[in-house]
Structure formats: structure tokens, C-alpha cells
């Protein structure tokens, strides 16, 4: 995912707990017609600057592991 990432729009759904890392943001995205849901932390981005729910941001993923996407809160999706 770090060497050849793909990007796709995703949408924030709510807050979640990321084990041992604290609070995060739950989001959904779709790859090749299949929906995925994931949770990742927003650090170092300010929680107040992220639109939850309904915020649209780009999700970085790999074709090999599409279920392991990471939302990039610095990249708003149009």
C-alpha cells in the first residue's frame, strides 16, 4: 500500500475505538463494487477539522488488500 497506492473517495460514518491507539473515525469506501468499512486514527489532524459523519476524504488502499484502506483526512474528496 505504501509503494503503489490507489486512491478512492470514502465517507465518514462516525467515531470508533482503535485498540491501543484511542479514538478514531469509522469510514466506508467501495472498491470494484464491494463496500468496505474501516477505522483509523486522525492524529496528527485536529478532530475538530474532520467532518463526521458525512465527510468525504480520499482513501488509500492497495489492490492486493482492498479491505485495509486508510482515510487521508488531508485529502478532501470532491
Protein backbone atom coordinates (compact mmCIF):
# COMPACT_ATOMS: atom_id res chain seq x y z
CA UNK A 1 0.00 0.00 0.00
CA UNK A 2 2.93 2.36 0.54
CA UNK A 3 4.75 1.70 -2.75
CA UNK A 4 1.89 1.74 -5.26
CA UNK A 5 -1.24 3.05 -3.54
CA UNK A 6 -4.56 3.61 -5.24
CA UNK A 7 -6.94 6.35 -4.07
CA UNK A 8 -10.72 6.27 -3.98
CA UNK A 9 -13.30 8.55 -2.29
CA UNK A 10 -14.69 7.49 1.07
CA UNK A 11 -17.22 8.88 3.54
CA UNK A 12 -17.00 9.21 7.32
CA UNK A 13 -19.67 7.39 9.32
CA UNK A 14 -18.89 8.09 12.99
CA UNK A 15 -16.32 7.66 15.71
CA UNK A 16 -14.78 4.34 16.70
CA UNK A 17 -12.15 2.94 19.02
CA UNK A 18 -8.83 1.79 17.58
CA UNK A 19 -7.37 -0.74 20.03
CA UNK A 20 -4.33 0.68 21.87
CA UNK A 21 -4.40 3.84 19.73
CA UNK A 22 -7.51 5.56 21.09
CA UNK A 23 -10.40 7.19 19.28
CA UNK A 24 -10.62 7.08 15.52
CA UNK A 25 -13.01 7.74 12.66
CA UNK A 26 -15.07 5.00 11.03
CA UNK A 27 -15.43 5.30 7.27
CA UNK A 28 -16.76 3.44 4.22
CA UNK A 29 -15.47 3.13 0.69
CA UNK A 30 -16.11 0.94 -2.33
CA UNK A 31 -13.60 -0.95 -4.48
CA UNK A 32 -14.73 -2.86 -7.58
CA UNK A 33 -18.37 -2.87 -6.44
CA UNK A 34 -17.63 -4.17 -2.92
CA UNK A 35 -18.14 -1.96 0.15
CA UNK A 36 -15.56 -1.85 2.92
CA UNK A 37 -15.62 -0.25 6.36
CA UNK A 38 -12.59 0.62 8.42
CA UNK A 39 -11.47 2.71 11.38
CA UNK A 40 -8.31 4.76 11.64
CA UNK A 41 -6.99 7.44 13.95
CA UNK A 42 -6.91 11.07 12.90
CA UNK A 43 -3.66 12.06 14.67
CA UNK A 44 -1.95 14.49 13.94
CA UNK A 45 -5.02 16.11 12.34
CA UNK A 46 -7.31 18.02 14.71
CA UNK A 47 -10.54 16.13 15.45
CA UNK A 48 -12.48 19.38 15.05
CA UNK A 49 -11.28 19.81 11.45
CA UNK A 50 -12.78 16.48 10.28
CA UNK A 51 -16.42 16.31 9.20
CA UNK A 52 -18.09 13.36 10.98
CA UNK A 53 -20.46 11.96 9.80
CA UNK A 54 -20.70 12.65 6.08
CA UNK A 55 -17.20 13.96 5.45
CA UNK A 56 -15.72 12.96 2.10
CA UNK A 57 -11.99 12.22 2.02
CA UNK A 58 -9.72 10.10 -0.14
CA UNK A 59 -8.91 6.56 0.98
CA UNK A 60 -5.52 4.99 0.21
CA UNK A 61 -5.67 1.25 -0.48
CA UNK A 62 -3.92 -1.47 -2.44
CA UNK A 63 -5.48 -3.82 -4.98
CA UNK A 64 -3.94 -6.72 -3.06
CA UNK A 65 -5.57 -5.73 0.27
CA UNK A 66 -8.58 -3.53 -0.53
CA UNK A 67 -10.07 -4.12 2.94
CA UNK A 68 -7.12 -2.38 4.64
CA UNK A 69 -7.81 1.15 3.36
CA UNK A 70 -6.65 4.23 5.25
CA UNK A 71 -8.53 7.51 5.06
CA UNK A 72 -6.36 10.57 4.47
CA UNK A 73 -8.03 13.49 6.25
CA UNK A 74 -5.68 15.91 4.48
CA UNK A 75 -7.16 14.95 1.08
CA UNK A 76 -10.80 16.02 0.73
CA UNK A 77 -12.74 14.17 -1.97
CA UNK A 78 -14.91 16.14 -4.37
